[in-house]
Amino acid sequence: MERKNTEFEFRGINHLALVCRDMERTVDFYCNVLGMPLIKTIELPNNMGQHFFFDIGNGDSLAFFWFPDAPEAAPGIASPAGMPGEGELATAHGSMNHVAFDVPPEKFDEYYEKIKAKGIKVTPILNHDDSPRQVSREVHEGTFIRSFYFQDPDGILLEFATWTRPLGPDDVKHRPARAADRDRYLGLVGTGGG
């Protein structure tokens, strides 16, 4: 069942802008490891830095800024300190947690092996489902997406993901949390801790 936006006609993501430490290293990784074409380069005015765009398919782009005076990376604040199953995944409010690239289901396993063969550290494949653990070893009828994670040279968390089934009304069943729900989620309500 397709849900239609009645307010705006979005066609995808025009671009997601991230910040890198070394544009040459970033171009090498995204072009030579992930195979993304570099489609636009900009020298920012007043020696502010650079802004480069990579084609990620379907008319969507991934963009990077390089600022010569940018603050150092802050893992655990602005980006995850680790990958799922290997470290803290939470990041600060307003941060960009990870970028998930949609890949064809028939190429998913091939791409997993291909990324590993390039010497990139990857997580095990995660078959996301609605079980209490939210992942399973095998794909089954409750699996809705398969994915694996890895990091770029700046520690930006990346994911290759593929949908395994259409999502429907039964997939939307949780009340959105509010800031006031924090203590309940942290187990502080009713335990004398707050």
N, C-alpha and C. Protein backbone atom coordinates (compact mmCIF):
# COMPACT_ATOMS: atom_id res chain seq x y z
N MET A 1 0.84 -1.18 0.00
CA MET A 1 0.00 0.00 0.00
C MET A 1 0.88 1.25 0.00
N GLU A 2 0.77 2.06 -1.01
CA GLU A 2 1.57 3.27 -1.11
C GLU A 2 0.92 4.40 -0.33
N ARG A 3 1.72 5.07 0.51
CA ARG A 3 1.23 6.24 1.23
C ARG A 3 1.70 7.47 0.47
N LYS A 4 0.78 8.35 0.12
CA LYS A 4 1.10 9.50 -0.71
C LYS A 4 1.20 10.77 0.13
N ASN A 5 2.22 11.55 -0.13
CA ASN A 5 2.38 12.85 0.49
C ASN A 5 1.41 13.82 -0.18
N THR A 6 0.49 14.37 0.57
CA THR A 6 -0.50 15.28 0.00
C THR A 6 -0.07 16.74 0.11
N GLU A 7 1.10 17.01 0.71
CA GLU A 7 1.59 18.37 0.89
C GLU A 7 2.64 18.77 -0.14
N PHE A 8 3.61 17.88 -0.40
CA PHE A 8 4.72 18.19 -1.29
C PHE A 8 5.05 16.97 -2.13
N GLU A 9 5.57 17.18 -3.32
CA GLU A 9 6.01 16.08 -4.17
C GLU A 9 7.53 15.95 -4.04
N PHE A 10 7.97 15.03 -3.19
CA PHE A 10 9.39 14.75 -3.04
C PHE A 10 9.76 13.64 -3.99
N ARG A 11 10.92 13.74 -4.61
CA ARG A 11 11.38 12.72 -5.55
C ARG A 11 12.56 11.93 -5.01
N GLY A 12 12.92 12.13 -3.78
CA GLY A 12 14.06 11.45 -3.18
C GLY A 12 14.89 12.46 -2.41
N ILE A 13 16.13 12.13 -2.18
CA ILE A 13 17.06 13.03 -1.49
C ILE A 13 17.89 13.73 -2.56
N ASN A 14 17.83 15.05 -2.62
CA ASN A 14 18.68 15.77 -3.56
C ASN A 14 20.14 15.55 -3.18
N HIS A 15 20.50 15.88 -1.95
CA HIS A 15 21.82 15.53 -1.45
C HIS A 15 21.82 15.58 0.07
N LEU A 16 22.71 14.82 0.65
CA LEU A 16 22.99 14.84 2.08
C LEU A 16 24.40 15.39 2.19
N ALA A 17 24.60 16.45 2.95
CA ALA A 17 25.91 17.09 3.06
C ALA A 17 26.60 16.68 4.36
N LEU A 18 27.79 16.14 4.23
CA LEU A 18 28.61 15.71 5.36
C LEU A 18 29.91 16.52 5.34
N VAL A 19 30.73 16.36 6.37
CA VAL A 19 32.00 17.09 6.45
C VAL A 19 33.13 16.08 6.56
N CYS A 20 34.17 16.27 5.76
CA CYS A 20 35.33 15.37 5.79
C CYS A 20 36.58 16.12 6.25
N ARG A 21 37.60 15.35 6.66
CA ARG A 21 38.88 15.92 7.09
C ARG A 21 39.82 16.13 5.90
N ASP A 22 39.71 15.25 4.89
CA ASP A 22 40.65 15.26 3.76
C ASP A 22 39.86 14.95 2.50
N MET A 23 39.65 15.93 1.64
CA MET A 23 38.81 15.73 0.46
C MET A 23 39.42 14.71 -0.50
N GLU A 24 40.73 14.71 -0.65
CA GLU A 24 41.35 13.75 -1.56
C GLU A 24 41.09 12.31 -1.09
N ARG A 25 41.23 12.07 0.20
CA ARG A 25 40.97 10.74 0.76
C ARG A 25 39.50 10.38 0.60
N THR A 26 38.61 11.35 0.77
CA THR A 26 37.17 11.13 0.62
C THR A 26 36.83 10.78 -0.82
N VAL A 27 37.42 11.52 -1.78
CA VAL A 27 37.19 11.22 -3.20
C VAL A 27 37.68 9.82 -3.52
N ASP A 28 38.84 9.46 -3.01
CA ASP A 28 39.37 8.12 -3.27
C ASP A 28 38.41 7.04 -2.75
N PHE A 29 37.92 7.19 -1.52
CA PHE A 29 37.04 6.18 -0.93
C PHE A 29 35.72 6.08 -1.69
N TYR A 30 35.05 7.21 -1.90
CA TYR A 30 33.72 7.15 -2.51
C TYR A 30 33.77 6.82 -4.00
N CYS A 31 34.82 7.24 -4.69
CA CYS A 31 34.95 6.89 -6.12
C CYS A 31 35.55 5.50 -6.32
N ASN A 32 36.65 5.21 -5.65
CA ASN A 32 37.39 3.98 -5.93
C ASN A 32 36.96 2.78 -5.10
N VAL A 33 36.46 2.98 -3.90
CA VAL A 33 35.97 1.86 -3.09
C VAL A 33 34.49 1.61 -3.37
N LEU A 34 33.66 2.69 -3.31
CA LEU A 34 32.22 2.53 -3.50
C LEU A 34 31.77 2.76 -4.94
N GLY A 35 32.64 3.27 -5.80
CA GLY A 35 32.32 3.42 -7.22
C GLY A 35 31.38 4.56 -7.56
N MET A 36 31.23 5.52 -6.68
CA MET A 36 30.34 6.65 -6.95
C MET A 36 31.02 7.67 -7.84
N PRO A 37 30.38 8.08 -8.94
CA PRO A 37 30.98 9.12 -9.77
C PRO A 37 31.00 10.47 -9.06
N LEU A 38 32.12 11.17 -9.17
CA LEU A 38 32.22 12.55 -8.69
C LEU A 38 31.58 13.42 -9.75
N ILE A 39 30.52 14.16 -9.39
CA ILE A 39 29.75 14.87 -10.42
C ILE A 39 29.83 16.39 -10.34
N LYS A 40 30.31 16.95 -9.23
CA LYS A 40 30.42 18.40 -9.13
C LYS A 40 31.43 18.75 -8.06
N THR A 41 32.30 19.71 -8.36
CA THR A 41 33.25 20.21 -7.38
C THR A 41 33.13 21.72 -7.30
N ILE A 42 33.22 22.24 -6.09
CA ILE A 42 33.09 23.67 -5.86
C ILE A 42 34.20 24.13 -4.92
N GLU A 43 34.90 25.18 -5.29
CA GLU A 43 35.80 25.87 -4.38
C GLU A 43 34.98 26.97 -3.72
N LEU A 44 34.83 26.93 -2.41
CA LEU A 44 34.02 27.92 -1.72
C LEU A 44 34.72 29.28 -1.71
N PRO A 45 33.95 30.36 -1.71
CA PRO A 45 34.56 31.69 -1.74
C PRO A 45 35.36 32.00 -0.48
N ASN A 46 36.27 32.95 -0.61
CA ASN A 46 37.07 33.45 0.53
C ASN A 46 37.86 32.35 1.23
N ASN A 47 38.35 31.36 0.46
CA ASN A 47 39.15 30.26 1.02
C ASN A 47 38.43 29.50 2.14
N MET A 48 37.09 29.43 2.05
CA MET A 48 36.32 28.72 3.07
C MET A 48 36.45 27.21 2.96
N GLY A 49 36.88 26.70 1.79
CA GLY A 49 37.03 25.26 1.64
C GLY A 49 36.47 24.76 0.32
N GLN A 50 35.97 23.53 0.33
CA GLN A 50 35.45 22.89 -0.87
C GLN A 50 34.11 22.21 -0.58
N HIS A 51 33.35 21.97 -1.67
CA HIS A 51 32.07 21.26 -1.58
C HIS A 51 31.99 20.36 -2.82
N PHE A 52 32.05 19.02 -2.63
CA PHE A 52 32.06 18.06 -3.73
C PHE A 52 30.81 17.17 -3.64
N PHE A 53 30.30 16.76 -4.81
CA PHE A 53 29.09 15.95 -4.90
C PHE A 53 29.36 14.63 -5.61
N PHE A 54 28.82 13.54 -5.06
CA PHE A 54 28.92 12.21 -5.65
C PHE A 54 27.53 11.72 -6.02
N ASP A 55 27.42 11.04 -7.16
CA ASP A 55 26.15 10.48 -7.62
C ASP A 55 25.92 9.14 -6.92
N ILE A 56 24.79 9.04 -6.18
CA ILE A 56 24.47 7.77 -5.52
C ILE A 56 23.31 7.06 -6.21
N GLY A 57 22.91 7.54 -7.39
CA GLY A 57 21.86 6.89 -8.16
C GLY A 57 20.51 7.54 -7.96
N ASN A 58 19.61 7.28 -8.90
CA ASN A 58 18.24 7.78 -8.86
C ASN A 58 18.15 9.30 -8.77
N GLY A 59 19.18 10.01 -9.22
CA GLY A 59 19.18 11.46 -9.16
C GLY A 59 19.55 12.01 -7.79
N ASP A 60 19.96 11.15 -6.85
CA ASP A 60 20.32 11.55 -5.49
C ASP A 60 21.83 11.72 -5.39
N SER A 61 22.26 12.56 -4.46
CA SER A 61 23.69 12.82 -4.30
C SER A 61 24.10 12.76 -2.84
N LEU A 62 25.37 12.45 -2.65
CA LEU A 62 26.02 12.56 -1.35
C LEU A 62 27.06 13.65 -1.52
N ALA A 63 27.04 14.64 -0.65
CA ALA A 63 27.96 15.77 -0.78
C ALA A 63 28.85 15.87 0.45
N PHE A 64 30.03 16.40 0.25
CA PHE A 64 30.96 16.62 1.35
C PHE A 64 31.48 18.04 1.32
N PHE A 65 31.56 18.63 2.51
CA PHE A 65 32.28 19.88 2.68
C PHE A 65 33.66 19.53 3.22
N TRP A 66 34.65 20.31 2.82
CA TRP A 66 35.95 20.31 3.48
C TRP A 66 36.19 21.74 3.93
N PHE A 67 36.29 21.95 5.24
CA PHE A 67 36.57 23.26 5.81
C PHE A 67 37.96 23.21 6.42
N PRO A 68 38.87 24.11 6.04
CA PRO A 68 40.23 24.04 6.58
C PRO A 68 40.30 24.23 8.09
N ASP A 69 39.30 24.86 8.68
CA ASP A 69 39.32 25.13 10.11
C ASP A 69 38.21 24.40 10.86
N ALA A 70 37.73 23.30 10.32
CA ALA A 70 36.64 22.56 10.96
C ALA A 70 37.10 21.95 12.28
N PRO A 71 36.20 21.89 13.27
CA PRO A 71 36.56 21.22 14.53
C PRO A 71 36.84 19.73 14.28
N GLU A 72 37.57 19.12 15.17
CA GLU A 72 37.87 17.69 15.08
C GLU A 72 36.58 16.88 15.25
N ALA A 73 36.62 15.65 14.76
CA ALA A 73 35.49 14.73 14.90
C ALA A 73 35.19 14.51 16.38
N ALA A 74 33.92 14.24 16.68
CA ALA A 74 33.49 14.00 18.05
C ALA A 74 32.66 12.71 18.11
N PRO A 75 33.33 11.53 17.91
CA PRO A 75 32.58 10.27 17.97
C PRO A 75 31.85 10.14 19.30
N GLY A 76 30.63 9.62 19.22
CA GLY A 76 29.80 9.50 20.39
C GLY A 76 28.95 10.74 20.64
N ILE A 77 29.24 11.80 19.88
CA ILE A 77 28.45 13.03 19.96
C ILE A 77 27.86 13.30 18.59
N ALA A 78 28.71 13.58 17.61
CA ALA A 78 28.25 13.93 16.26
C ALA A 78 28.15 12.70 15.36
N SER A 79 28.78 11.61 15.73
CA SER A 79 28.72 10.38 14.96
C SER A 79 28.81 9.21 15.95
N PRO A 80 28.34 8.02 15.54
CA PRO A 80 28.43 6.87 16.45
C PRO A 80 29.89 6.56 16.82
N ALA A 81 30.08 6.09 18.04
CA ALA A 81 31.42 5.70 18.48
C ALA A 81 31.81 4.34 17.92
N GLY A 82 30.85 3.60 17.40
CA GLY A 82 31.13 2.28 16.85
C GLY A 82 30.05 1.87 15.87
N MET A 83 30.14 0.63 15.43
CA MET A 83 29.15 0.08 14.51
C MET A 83 28.17 -0.79 15.31
N PRO A 84 26.97 -1.03 14.77
CA PRO A 84 26.02 -1.87 15.49
C PRO A 84 26.65 -3.20 15.92
N GLY A 85 26.46 -3.52 17.19
CA GLY A 85 27.02 -4.75 17.74
C GLY A 85 28.47 -4.63 18.17
N GLU A 86 29.10 -3.49 17.89
CA GLU A 86 30.53 -3.34 18.20
C GLU A 86 30.85 -2.07 18.98
N GLY A 87 29.86 -1.31 19.35
CA GLY A 87 30.13 -0.07 20.08
C GLY A 87 28.87 0.74 20.23
N GLU A 88 29.00 1.85 20.89
CA GLU A 88 27.85 2.72 21.16
C GLU A 88 27.34 3.31 19.85
N LEU A 89 26.03 3.16 19.61
CA LEU A 89 25.40 3.64 18.38
C LEU A 89 24.72 4.99 18.57
N ALA A 90 24.40 5.36 19.81
CA ALA A 90 23.68 6.61 20.06
C ALA A 90 24.55 7.82 19.72
N THR A 91 23.91 8.87 19.20
CA THR A 91 24.58 10.13 18.90
C THR A 91 23.72 11.27 19.45
N ALA A 92 24.29 12.46 19.46
CA ALA A 92 23.62 13.62 20.04
C ALA A 92 22.44 14.08 19.20
N HIS A 93 21.52 14.79 19.84
CA HIS A 93 20.40 15.40 19.12
C HIS A 93 20.95 16.28 18.01
N GLY A 94 20.34 16.21 16.85
CA GLY A 94 20.75 17.03 15.72
C GLY A 94 21.92 16.46 14.93
N SER A 95 22.46 15.32 15.35
CA SER A 95 23.59 14.73 14.63
C SER A 95 23.09 13.87 13.47
N MET A 96 24.00 13.51 12.58
CA MET A 96 23.69 12.58 11.49
C MET A 96 24.25 11.23 11.95
N ASN A 97 23.38 10.25 12.18
CA ASN A 97 23.82 8.98 12.73
C ASN A 97 24.48 8.09 11.68
N HIS A 98 23.83 7.88 10.54
CA HIS A 98 24.43 7.07 9.47
C HIS A 98 23.72 7.33 8.16
N VAL A 99 24.34 6.90 7.07
CA VAL A 99 23.76 7.00 5.73
C VAL A 99 23.54 5.58 5.24
N ALA A 100 22.30 5.25 4.87
CA ALA A 100 21.97 3.93 4.35
C ALA A 100 21.74 4.02 2.84
N PHE A 101 22.54 3.29 2.09
CA PHE A 101 22.39 3.23 0.63
C PHE A 101 21.50 2.04 0.29
N ASP A 102 20.46 2.28 -0.48
CA ASP A 102 19.55 1.22 -0.92
C ASP A 102 20.21 0.45 -2.05
N VAL A 103 20.33 -0.86 -1.90
CA VAL A 103 20.94 -1.69 -2.94
C VAL A 103 19.92 -2.75 -3.37
N PRO A 104 20.06 -3.28 -4.60
CA PRO A 104 19.10 -4.29 -5.08
C PRO A 104 19.21 -5.58 -4.26
N PRO A 105 18.07 -6.19 -3.93
CA PRO A 105 18.10 -7.41 -3.12
C PRO A 105 18.91 -8.54 -3.76
N GLU A 106 18.85 -8.64 -5.08
CA GLU A 106 19.57 -9.72 -5.75
C GLU A 106 21.09 -9.52 -5.75
N LYS A 107 21.56 -8.32 -5.41
CA LYS A 107 23.00 -8.02 -5.37
C LYS A 107 23.53 -7.91 -3.95
N PHE A 108 22.65 -7.98 -2.95
CA PHE A 108 23.04 -7.70 -1.57
C PHE A 108 24.21 -8.57 -1.09
N ASP A 109 24.09 -9.89 -1.19
CA ASP A 109 25.15 -10.78 -0.71
C ASP A 109 26.45 -10.58 -1.49
N GLU A 110 26.33 -10.36 -2.79
CA GLU A 110 27.51 -10.10 -3.62
C GLU A 110 28.21 -8.82 -3.15
N TYR A 111 27.43 -7.78 -2.85
CA TYR A 111 28.02 -6.51 -2.41
C TYR A 111 28.68 -6.64 -1.05
N TYR A 112 28.12 -7.48 -0.20
CA TYR A 112 28.74 -7.72 1.11
C TYR A 112 30.15 -8.30 0.93
N GLU A 113 30.24 -9.32 0.10
CA GLU A 113 31.55 -9.93 -0.15
C GLU A 113 32.50 -8.96 -0.87
N LYS A 114 31.97 -8.16 -1.76
CA LYS A 114 32.79 -7.21 -2.52
C LYS A 114 33.40 -6.14 -1.60
N ILE A 115 32.61 -5.61 -0.67
CA ILE A 115 33.11 -4.60 0.28
C ILE A 115 34.19 -5.23 1.16
N LYS A 116 33.95 -6.45 1.66
CA LYS A 116 34.94 -7.13 2.49
C LYS A 116 36.23 -7.36 1.70
N ALA A 117 36.10 -7.74 0.42
CA ALA A 117 37.28 -8.00 -0.42
C ALA A 117 38.12 -6.74 -0.64
N LYS A 118 37.51 -5.57 -0.49
CA LYS A 118 38.25 -4.31 -0.64
C LYS A 118 38.99 -3.94 0.64
N GLY A 119 38.93 -4.81 1.64
CA GLY A 119 39.64 -4.56 2.89
C GLY A 119 38.89 -3.67 3.87
N ILE A 120 37.60 -3.48 3.65
CA ILE A 120 36.80 -2.64 4.53
C ILE A 120 36.22 -3.51 5.65
N LYS A 121 36.36 -3.06 6.90
CA LYS A 121 35.78 -3.77 8.04
C LYS A 121 34.27 -3.59 8.01
N VAL A 122 33.53 -4.69 8.01
CA VAL A 122 32.07 -4.64 7.96
C VAL A 122 31.49 -5.45 9.13
N THR A 123 30.26 -5.10 9.49
CA THR A 123 29.55 -5.88 10.51
C THR A 123 29.03 -7.15 9.86
N PRO A 124 28.61 -8.10 10.65
CA PRO A 124 27.87 -9.23 10.06
C PRO A 124 26.59 -8.70 9.41
N ILE A 125 26.03 -9.49 8.51
CA ILE A 125 24.75 -9.13 7.91
C ILE A 125 23.67 -9.19 8.98
N LEU A 126 22.83 -8.16 9.02
CA LEU A 126 21.73 -8.10 9.96
C LEU A 126 20.42 -8.24 9.20
N ASN A 127 19.63 -9.25 9.57
CA ASN A 127 18.30 -9.45 8.99
C ASN A 127 17.31 -8.87 10.00
N HIS A 128 16.90 -7.62 9.78
CA HIS A 128 16.06 -6.89 10.72
C HIS A 128 14.63 -7.42 10.68
N ASP A 129 14.08 -7.70 11.87
CA ASP A 129 12.72 -8.21 11.98
C ASP A 129 12.06 -7.61 13.22
N ASP A 130 10.85 -8.04 13.54
CA ASP A 130 10.12 -7.51 14.68
C ASP A 130 10.25 -8.38 15.92
N SER A 131 11.22 -9.28 15.96
CA SER A 131 11.42 -10.13 17.14
C SER A 131 11.99 -9.27 18.29
N PRO A 132 12.00 -9.79 19.51
CA PRO A 132 12.56 -9.02 20.63
C PRO A 132 14.01 -8.57 20.39
N ARG A 133 14.82 -9.37 19.72
CA ARG A 133 16.21 -8.98 19.43
C ARG A 133 16.30 -8.07 18.21
N GLN A 134 15.26 -8.04 17.40
CA GLN A 134 15.12 -7.22 16.19
C GLN A 134 16.03 -7.64 15.04
N VAL A 135 16.75 -8.74 15.19
CA VAL A 135 17.55 -9.30 14.10
C VAL A 135 17.50 -10.81 14.19
N SER A 136 17.69 -11.45 13.05
CA SER A 136 17.74 -12.91 13.03
C SER A 136 18.90 -13.35 12.16
N ARG A 137 19.34 -14.58 12.36
CA ARG A 137 20.42 -15.12 11.54
C ARG A 137 19.95 -15.39 10.12
N GLU A 138 18.71 -15.84 9.99
CA GLU A 138 18.16 -16.21 8.69
C GLU A 138 17.07 -15.24 8.27
N VAL A 139 16.88 -15.12 6.96
CA VAL A 139 15.77 -14.35 6.43
C VAL A 139 14.51 -15.18 6.58
N HIS A 140 13.43 -14.56 7.06
CA HIS A 140 12.15 -15.24 7.21
C HIS A 140 11.04 -14.26 6.85
N GLU A 141 9.79 -14.67 6.92
CA GLU A 141 8.69 -13.82 6.45
C GLU A 141 8.55 -12.53 7.25
N GLY A 142 9.07 -12.49 8.48
CA GLY A 142 9.02 -11.27 9.29
C GLY A 142 10.18 -10.32 9.04
N THR A 143 11.16 -10.76 8.27
CA THR A 143 12.30 -9.88 7.95
C THR A 143 11.82 -8.79 7.01
N PHE A 144 12.11 -7.53 7.36
CA PHE A 144 11.67 -6.43 6.49
C PHE A 144 12.83 -5.73 5.79
N ILE A 145 14.03 -5.85 6.31
CA ILE A 145 15.19 -5.25 5.66
C ILE A 145 16.44 -6.01 6.06
N ARG A 146 17.38 -6.13 5.13
CA ARG A 146 18.69 -6.74 5.40
C ARG A 146 19.72 -5.63 5.26
N SER A 147 20.74 -5.66 6.11
CA SER A 147 21.75 -4.61 5.99
C SER A 147 23.07 -5.05 6.60
N PHE A 148 24.11 -4.27 6.26
CA PHE A 148 25.39 -4.37 6.95
C PHE A 148 25.98 -2.97 6.99
N TYR A 149 26.87 -2.76 7.95
CA TYR A 149 27.43 -1.44 8.22
C TYR A 149 28.95 -1.45 8.06
N PHE A 150 29.49 -0.28 7.75
CA PHE A 150 30.93 -0.05 7.67
C PHE A 150 31.15 1.44 7.81
N GLN A 151 32.41 1.86 7.91
CA GLN A 151 32.71 3.28 8.08
C GLN A 151 33.59 3.79 6.95
N ASP A 152 33.43 5.08 6.65
CA ASP A 152 34.31 5.72 5.67
C ASP A 152 35.58 6.16 6.39
N PRO A 153 36.56 6.76 5.70
CA PRO A 153 37.82 7.13 6.35
C PRO A 153 37.69 8.13 7.50
N ASP A 154 36.59 8.89 7.54
CA ASP A 154 36.37 9.84 8.63
C ASP A 154 35.52 9.26 9.76
N GLY A 155 35.19 7.98 9.68
CA GLY A 155 34.38 7.35 10.71
C GLY A 155 32.89 7.54 10.52
N ILE A 156 32.47 8.06 9.36
CA ILE A 156 31.04 8.20 9.09
C ILE A 156 30.46 6.80 8.90
N LEU A 157 29.40 6.50 9.64
CA LEU A 157 28.79 5.19 9.58
C LEU A 157 27.93 5.08 8.32
N LEU A 158 28.22 4.07 7.51
CA LEU A 158 27.50 3.81 6.26
C LEU A 158 26.83 2.46 6.35
N GLU A 159 25.76 2.30 5.59
CA GLU A 159 25.00 1.05 5.59
C GLU A 159 24.58 0.73 4.17
N PHE A 160 24.68 -0.52 3.78
CA PHE A 160 24.04 -1.02 2.56
C PHE A 160 22.80 -1.76 3.04
N ALA A 161 21.64 -1.38 2.50
CA ALA A 161 20.38 -1.95 2.96
C ALA A 161 19.50 -2.32 1.78
N THR A 162 18.68 -3.36 1.97
CA THR A 162 17.73 -3.75 0.94
C THR A 162 16.43 -4.19 1.61
N TRP A 163 15.32 -3.65 1.13
CA TRP A 163 14.00 -4.05 1.63
C TRP A 163 13.72 -5.48 1.17
N THR A 164 13.10 -6.27 2.04
CA THR A 164 12.77 -7.65 1.67
C THR A 164 11.29 -7.87 1.45
N ARG A 165 10.47 -6.89 1.84
CA ARG A 165 9.03 -6.99 1.64
C ARG A 165 8.44 -5.58 1.67
N PRO A 166 7.26 -5.43 1.08
CA PRO A 166 6.60 -4.13 1.18
C PRO A 166 6.16 -3.86 2.62
N LEU A 167 6.22 -2.63 3.04
CA LEU A 167 5.75 -2.25 4.37
C LEU A 167 4.29 -1.84 4.27
N GLY A 168 3.52 -2.17 5.30
CA GLY A 168 2.09 -1.87 5.30
C GLY A 168 1.65 -1.22 6.59
N PRO A 169 0.35 -1.02 6.75
CA PRO A 169 -0.18 -0.36 7.95
C PRO A 169 0.22 -1.05 9.25
N ASP A 170 0.37 -2.38 9.25
CA ASP A 170 0.76 -3.10 10.46
C ASP A 170 2.19 -2.81 10.89
N ASP A 171 2.98 -2.19 10.03
CA ASP A 171 4.36 -1.85 10.37
C ASP A 171 4.47 -0.53 11.15
N VAL A 172 3.36 0.18 11.29
CA VAL A 172 3.34 1.42 12.06
C VAL A 172 2.48 1.18 13.29
N LYS A 173 3.12 0.86 14.44
CA LYS A 173 2.35 0.47 15.62
C LYS A 173 2.88 1.03 16.93
N HIS A 174 3.82 1.96 16.89
CA HIS A 174 4.38 2.51 18.12
C HIS A 174 4.08 4.00 18.23
N ARG A 175 3.77 4.43 19.45
CA ARG A 175 3.57 5.85 19.72
C ARG A 175 4.93 6.54 19.70
N PRO A 176 5.05 7.67 19.01
CA PRO A 176 6.33 8.38 19.02
C PRO A 176 6.71 8.83 20.44
N ALA A 177 7.96 8.64 20.81
CA ALA A 177 8.44 9.05 22.13
C ALA A 177 8.57 10.57 22.19
N ARG A 178 8.40 11.11 23.39
CA ARG A 178 8.59 12.54 23.63
C ARG A 178 9.81 12.72 24.51
N ALA A 179 10.31 13.94 24.58
CA ALA A 179 11.44 14.22 25.46
C ALA A 179 11.11 13.82 26.89
N ALA A 180 9.85 13.98 27.28
CA ALA A 180 9.42 13.64 28.64
C ALA A 180 9.47 12.13 28.91
N ASP A 181 9.61 11.31 27.87
CA ASP A 181 9.68 9.86 28.03
C ASP A 181 11.09 9.38 28.39
N ARG A 182 12.06 10.27 28.44
CA ARG A 182 13.46 9.90 28.65
C ARG A 182 13.65 9.02 29.88
N ASP A 183 13.14 9.44 31.02
CA ASP A 183 13.36 8.68 32.26
C ASP A 183 12.74 7.28 32.18
N ARG A 184 11.56 7.17 31.54
CA ARG A 184 10.93 5.85 31.40
C ARG A 184 11.81 4.94 30.55
N TYR A 185 12.38 5.46 29.44
CA TYR A 185 13.23 4.66 28.58
C TYR A 185 14.53 4.25 29.26
N LEU A 186 15.03 5.11 30.11
CA LEU A 186 16.29 4.83 30.82
C LEU A 186 16.07 3.99 32.08
N GLY A 187 14.79 3.64 32.36
CA GLY A 187 14.50 2.82 33.54
C GLY A 187 14.56 3.58 34.84
N LEU A 188 14.45 4.91 34.78
CA LEU A 188 14.56 5.71 36.01
C LEU A 188 13.21 5.94 36.69
N VAL A 189 12.11 5.70 35.99
CA VAL A 189 10.79 5.90 36.56
C VAL A 189 10.42 4.69 37.41
N GLY A 190 10.00 4.93 38.63
CA GLY A 190 9.53 3.85 39.49
C GLY A 190 10.65 3.04 40.12
N THR A 191 11.91 3.43 39.93
CA THR A 191 13.02 2.68 40.53
C THR A 191 13.72 3.50 41.61
N GLY A 192 13.15 4.67 41.93
CA GLY A 192 13.77 5.52 42.93
C GLY A 192 14.93 6.33 42.37
N GLY A 193 15.14 6.22 41.05
CA GLY A 193 16.27 6.91 40.45
C GLY A 193 15.92 8.25 39.87
N GLY A 194 14.72 8.71 40.02
CA GLY A 194 14.46 10.03 39.47
C GLY A 194 13.03 10.29 39.44
